[in-house]
């Protein structure tokens, strides 16, 4: 499955009432994904995060991002292509580890 196919299929599950839902939910789900790794690290726990946990939370992030982009008439594939081009330019300019958005 490619990015755009996923985006089309993901939209079928967008049955929320408030248009703000994917925006707020994206932040929440991204936090839950990061939380799998950060809390054990900060507490010094020895915890193995399972592949299934990561896939489940990353899938929630992916769905919300796909729907948010679709509702704004932006193809997922276009974002992926743009991002790789941006990172390639930064690498070529030696600014991949710099600060700020326009480097």
C-alpha atoms as a PDB file:
ATOM      1  CA  UNK A   1       0.000   0.000   0.000  1.00  0.00           C
ATOM      2  CA  UNK A   2       1.338   3.453  -0.815  1.00  0.00           C
ATOM      3  CA  UNK A   3       0.758   6.710   1.058  1.00  0.00           C
ATOM      4  CA  UNK A   4      -2.133   7.903  -1.094  1.00  0.00           C
ATOM      5  CA  UNK A   5      -3.923   4.547  -0.987  1.00  0.00           C
ATOM      6  CA  UNK A   6      -3.668   4.576   2.786  1.00  0.00           C
ATOM      7  CA  UNK A   7      -4.980   8.122   2.931  1.00  0.00           C
ATOM      8  CA  UNK A   8      -8.024   7.250   0.814  1.00  0.00           C
ATOM      9  CA  UNK A   9      -8.828   4.199   2.940  1.00  0.00           C
ATOM     10  CA  UNK A  10      -8.201   6.025   6.227  1.00  0.00           C
ATOM     11  CA  UNK A  11     -10.748   8.688   5.351  1.00  0.00           C
ATOM     12  CA  UNK A  12     -13.508   6.057   5.395  1.00  0.00           C
ATOM     13  CA  UNK A  13     -13.090   5.871   9.179  1.00  0.00           C
ATOM     14  CA  UNK A  14     -13.324   9.637   9.750  1.00  0.00           C
ATOM     15  CA  UNK A  15     -16.719   9.606  11.459  1.00  0.00           C
ATOM     16  CA  UNK A  16     -16.119  12.271  14.103  1.00  0.00           C
ATOM     17  CA  UNK A  17     -18.524  15.187  14.652  1.00  0.00           C
ATOM     18  CA  UNK A  18     -16.046  18.000  15.238  1.00  0.00           C
ATOM     19  CA  UNK A  19     -13.704  19.017  12.388  1.00  0.00           C
ATOM     20  CA  UNK A  20     -11.011  19.788  14.979  1.00  0.00           C
ATOM     21  CA  UNK A  21     -10.863  16.113  16.025  1.00  0.00           C
ATOM     22  CA  UNK A  22      -7.911  14.975  13.871  1.00  0.00           C
ATOM     23  CA  UNK A  23      -5.877  18.028  14.917  1.00  0.00           C
ATOM     24  CA  UNK A  24      -6.329  17.430  18.644  1.00  0.00           C
ATOM     25  CA  UNK A  25      -6.124  13.673  18.331  1.00  0.00           C
ATOM     26  CA  UNK A  26      -2.856  13.891  16.377  1.00  0.00           C
ATOM     27  CA  UNK A  27      -1.221  15.673  19.308  1.00  0.00           C
ATOM     28  CA  UNK A  28      -2.597  13.158  21.798  1.00  0.00           C
ATOM     29  CA  UNK A  29      -1.616  10.104  19.776  1.00  0.00           C
ATOM     30  CA  UNK A  30       1.879  11.463  19.071  1.00  0.00           C
ATOM     31  CA  UNK A  31       2.284  11.944  22.809  1.00  0.00           C
ATOM     32  CA  UNK A  32       1.187   8.370  23.475  1.00  0.00           C
ATOM     33  CA  UNK A  33       3.718   7.066  20.935  1.00  0.00           C
ATOM     34  CA  UNK A  34       6.583   9.045  22.459  1.00  0.00           C
ATOM     35  CA  UNK A  35       5.405   8.142  25.957  1.00  0.00           C
ATOM     36  CA  UNK A  36       6.153   4.482  25.253  1.00  0.00           C
ATOM     37  CA  UNK A  37       9.847   5.392  25.222  1.00  0.00           C
ATOM     38  CA  UNK A  38      10.170   8.529  27.335  1.00  0.00           C
ATOM     39  CA  UNK A  39       8.529   7.496  30.611  1.00  0.00           C
ATOM     40  CA  UNK A  40      10.652   4.364  31.063  1.00  0.00           C
ATOM     41  CA  UNK A  41      13.772   6.328  30.108  1.00  0.00           C
ATOM     42  CA  UNK A  42      13.033   9.144  32.561  1.00  0.00           C
ATOM     43  CA  UNK A  43      12.175   6.736  35.371  1.00  0.00           C
ATOM     44  CA  UNK A  44      15.145   4.491  34.665  1.00  0.00           C
ATOM     45  CA  UNK A  45      12.850   1.516  34.075  1.00  0.00           C
ATOM     46  CA  UNK A  46      14.116  -1.460  32.177  1.00  0.00           C
ATOM     47  CA  UNK A  47      11.188  -1.910  29.822  1.00  0.00           C
ATOM     48  CA  UNK A  48      11.152  -3.474  26.420  1.00  0.00           C
ATOM     49  CA  UNK A  49       8.652  -1.680  24.224  1.00  0.00           C
ATOM     50  CA  UNK A  50       7.016  -4.222  21.967  1.00  0.00           C
ATOM     51  CA  UNK A  51       6.830  -3.827  18.221  1.00  0.00           C
ATOM     52  CA  UNK A  52       3.056  -4.231  18.482  1.00  0.00           C
ATOM     53  CA  UNK A  53       2.764  -1.289  20.924  1.00  0.00           C
ATOM     54  CA  UNK A  54       4.796   0.942  18.622  1.00  0.00           C
ATOM     55  CA  UNK A  55       2.826  -0.105  15.550  1.00  0.00           C
ATOM     56  CA  UNK A  56      -0.495   0.492  17.322  1.00  0.00           C
ATOM     57  CA  UNK A  57       0.407   4.010  18.484  1.00  0.00           C
ATOM     58  CA  UNK A  58       2.204   4.930  15.240  1.00  0.00           C
ATOM     59  CA  UNK A  59      -0.881   3.786  13.339  1.00  0.00           C
ATOM     60  CA  UNK A  60      -3.040   6.166  15.344  1.00  0.00           C
ATOM     61  CA  UNK A  61      -0.621   9.007  14.545  1.00  0.00           C
ATOM     62  CA  UNK A  62      -0.607   8.009  10.875  1.00  0.00           C
ATOM     63  CA  UNK A  63      -4.414   7.931  10.677  1.00  0.00           C
ATOM     64  CA  UNK A  64      -4.870  11.351  12.225  1.00  0.00           C
ATOM     65  CA  UNK A  65      -2.194  12.887   9.994  1.00  0.00           C
ATOM     66  CA  UNK A  66      -3.674  11.263   6.885  1.00  0.00           C
ATOM     67  CA  UNK A  67      -7.168  12.572   7.653  1.00  0.00           C
ATOM     68  CA  UNK A  68      -5.935  16.043   8.625  1.00  0.00           C
ATOM     69  CA  UNK A  69      -4.045  16.320   5.327  1.00  0.00           C
ATOM     70  CA  UNK A  70      -6.941  14.936   3.290  1.00  0.00           C
ATOM     71  CA  UNK A  71      -9.363  17.439   4.818  1.00  0.00           C
ATOM     72  CA  UNK A  72      -6.954  20.166   3.667  1.00  0.00           C
ATOM     73  CA  UNK A  73      -6.646  18.742   0.132  1.00  0.00           C
ATOM     74  CA  UNK A  74      -3.036  17.663   0.624  1.00  0.00           C
ATOM     75  CA  UNK A  75      -1.899  14.287  -0.640  1.00  0.00           C
ATOM     76  CA  UNK A  76       0.162  12.276   1.824  1.00  0.00           C
ATOM     77  CA  UNK A  77       2.591  11.431  -0.964  1.00  0.00           C
ATOM     78  CA  UNK A  78       3.206  15.135  -1.657  1.00  0.00           C
ATOM     79  CA  UNK A  79       4.217  15.664   1.972  1.00  0.00           C
ATOM     80  CA  UNK A  80       6.596  12.695   1.848  1.00  0.00           C
ATOM     81  CA  UNK A  81       8.209  13.896  -1.389  1.00  0.00           C
ATOM     82  CA  UNK A  82       8.536  17.473  -0.116  1.00  0.00           C
ATOM     83  CA  UNK A  83      10.100  16.310   3.134  1.00  0.00           C
ATOM     84  CA  UNK A  84      12.743  14.161   1.414  1.00  0.00           C
ATOM     85  CA  UNK A  85      13.586  17.029  -0.957  1.00  0.00           C
ATOM     86  CA  UNK A  86      13.904  19.430   1.995  1.00  0.00           C
ATOM     87  CA  UNK A  87      16.143  17.036   3.931  1.00  0.00           C
ATOM     88  CA  UNK A  88      18.258  16.343   0.847  1.00  0.00           C
ATOM     89  CA  UNK A  89      18.821  20.082   0.405  1.00  0.00           C
ATOM     90  CA  UNK A  90      19.821  20.471   4.042  1.00  0.00           C
ATOM     91  CA  UNK A  91      22.220  17.559   3.781  1.00  0.00           C
ATOM     92  CA  UNK A  92      23.774  19.036   0.642  1.00  0.00           C
ATOM     93  CA  UNK A  93      24.157  22.456   2.339  1.00  0.00           C
ATOM     94  CA  UNK A  94      25.540  20.918   5.523  1.00  0.00           C
ATOM     95  CA  UNK A  95      22.630  22.240   7.594  1.00  0.00           C
ATOM     96  CA  UNK A  96      20.937  18.953   8.465  1.00  0.00           C
ATOM     97  CA  UNK A  97      21.765  19.455  12.166  1.00  0.00           C
ATOM     98  CA  UNK A  98      21.079  23.185  12.268  1.00  0.00           C
ATOM     99  CA  UNK A  99      18.358  25.131  14.042  1.00  0.00           C
ATOM    100  CA  UNK A 100      15.151  26.535  12.599  1.00  0.00           C
ATOM    101  CA  UNK A 101      12.888  25.646   9.727  1.00  0.00           C
ATOM    102  CA  UNK A 102      14.548  27.498   6.848  1.00  0.00           C
ATOM    103  CA  UNK A 103      18.121  26.316   6.797  1.00  0.00           C
END
